[in-house]
Every structure is written in C-alpha cells, then in structure tokens.
Amino acid sequence: ISSASSGITAETELCFQQLFNTSCMRPRRPYFEIMLTYILLSFISLLTAILNLLVIISVSHFRQLHTPTNFLLLSLAVADFFVGLLMFFQIVLIDGCWFLGDIMCTLYQYLAFIITSASIGTMVIISADRYLAICYPLHYSTKITQQRVKICICLCWVFSVIFQSLIVKDNLKQPGKYNSCIGECVFVVNYIAGLFDLLFSFIVPITVIIVLYLRVFAVAVSQAHAMRCQHAVTHQRAVTVTVTKSELKAARTLGVVVVVFLICMCPYYCVALTEHFLKPYP
C-alpha cells in the first residue's frame, strides 16, 4: 500500500503537497503553454485596466465631457476597469489551483457576477438613450438630464448588487461549500436562481436592446433618405441636420460597442441556456 501511495505522489502533482488526502490535483500542462497564457492574460488585464482608467479620469475631470451619454460610458468604463482587475484572479487559476482561500474565491466570483449584471444594465440604458435621442430629438434634451442619468446608473448598480446577492446567497453564506478538494474554486448556482439570472441578466436585456436598436436603425435610414432629398435648406435647417448627423454617428458608435459586448457575452449565456434546458431539474 505504501509503495502504491509513493507511486501516486510521484506521478501526480498536488496543489498542496502536504495535504495528500484532501488537496486537488494540479493538471499537467506544457510549461510553454502556461507561460504564454500568463503573458497574454496579464497583457490584456493590464491594458483593459489602464485604458478604462483613462476614460474614467477623462470623463470625471473635464467638465465639457459631462454629458448624459458620457456618464453612461463612464459607468461602463468603471465596470470594465474592474473586469481588468478581476482578470488577475483568473490568472491565478491558470495552473488549475486556487491558493487564495474560499473567501477570496467567493468574493472574486461574486464581484464578477455584479460587474457583468451592471454592464448589461448599462448597455440597456445606453440603448434607451440612443433611442430617445434619435426617435424623439426635440424632447431629448429636456427629458434626459445629467441628474436623471446619474440616478439611472446608481439604480442599475444597486439593483445588480441586490439581484446577484439573491442569486448567489448560498455561496455567500458558506464560502467553499461546493469545493470537492482544497485548492479548488467552484461557484455553483442552483437551477431556479440560474434560470432567473439567465432570464433577467441576458434574455430580457438583449431583447430590449435589439428592439430599441432596430427602431433606431429604421429612423436613421428614413432620416438619411430625407437628408439626401433636401437640396435647398436654410441655415436653421442646416444646424438641425448637423445635430442629427452627430446623433446618428453616436448611435452607430455605441451600437458597435453594444454588439461587440453581446458577442463576447453570448458564448457563456448560450452554454448556460443549453444546460438549463438539457439538465433535468434536481
């Protein structure tokens, strides 16, 4: 029996060598692959944090950038800044072992849930902002004020914290509850909570975003056609056209941001959606 045990320790590498019976096994991976992953993730993490920090500083410092739309971009930049910081925790997991303890594991996953939810909520508000700017330009400046946008952003973040706290409450009550061995970082959401998270964190928001941007696209096409048909315009009309072009350009730019974000989020939620439909209810 002792010779068999020594053979196992020689062939397998544990996360915690001194805890033979309870430690997780470290997966075998080529050294080059591990180092390449370390370098790439570290570069992406650092770049993400620095660029979003520049956006945060710029919008916060320069008063001329204090517009409702830029405040929404500021909220998105804050979320993405934390994404860059949280990626360092993912780097820790590259070799398959978690050395920071159950509480840090739970905190890392919990913050990731909140940031994702807040990002998607901000995307919905951005879509609504562009919808009102393009479809109701005469009422936009009076209806969409800095104060109202700030309130919407605060509510978005508060709702994200409360909602995700309810979704992952089992993990928060007992950190490391679902870990099968020491050195593992597992975060499990029960079926009903996961279904609610999938519904309100992805399906409903993406539906609202698509509907709003389809409406924006339809109005943008009709306005572009009307602009081409105009030959003689007064100075006042020219100013109106310029403003419209500016709003359309902003809508296109933010639309690209929203689409790229959703493309990045789709793989995770598509897998989650498939699992919820295929996995039987416990």
Foldseek 3Di string as FASTA:
>chain_A
DVVVLVVVCVVWAFPDSVCSPFTDTFDDDDPVVLVVVLVVLLVVLVVQLVVLVVLLCVCVPDPVNLFLLSVLVNLLSVLSNVVSVLSVQVNCCSRPFHDPDQVVLLVSVLSVQLSLQLNLQSLLVNLVLLLCCLVPVVCNDVPRGSVVSVVSSVVSSVCSNVLSCVQQVVCVVPGPPPPRGHGHRDGDGALVSLVVCLVNRPVVSVVSSVVSVVSSVVSLVVVVVVVVPDDDDDPVVVVVVVSNVVSNVVSVVSVVVSVVVCVVVVVVSVVSVVCSVPPDHD
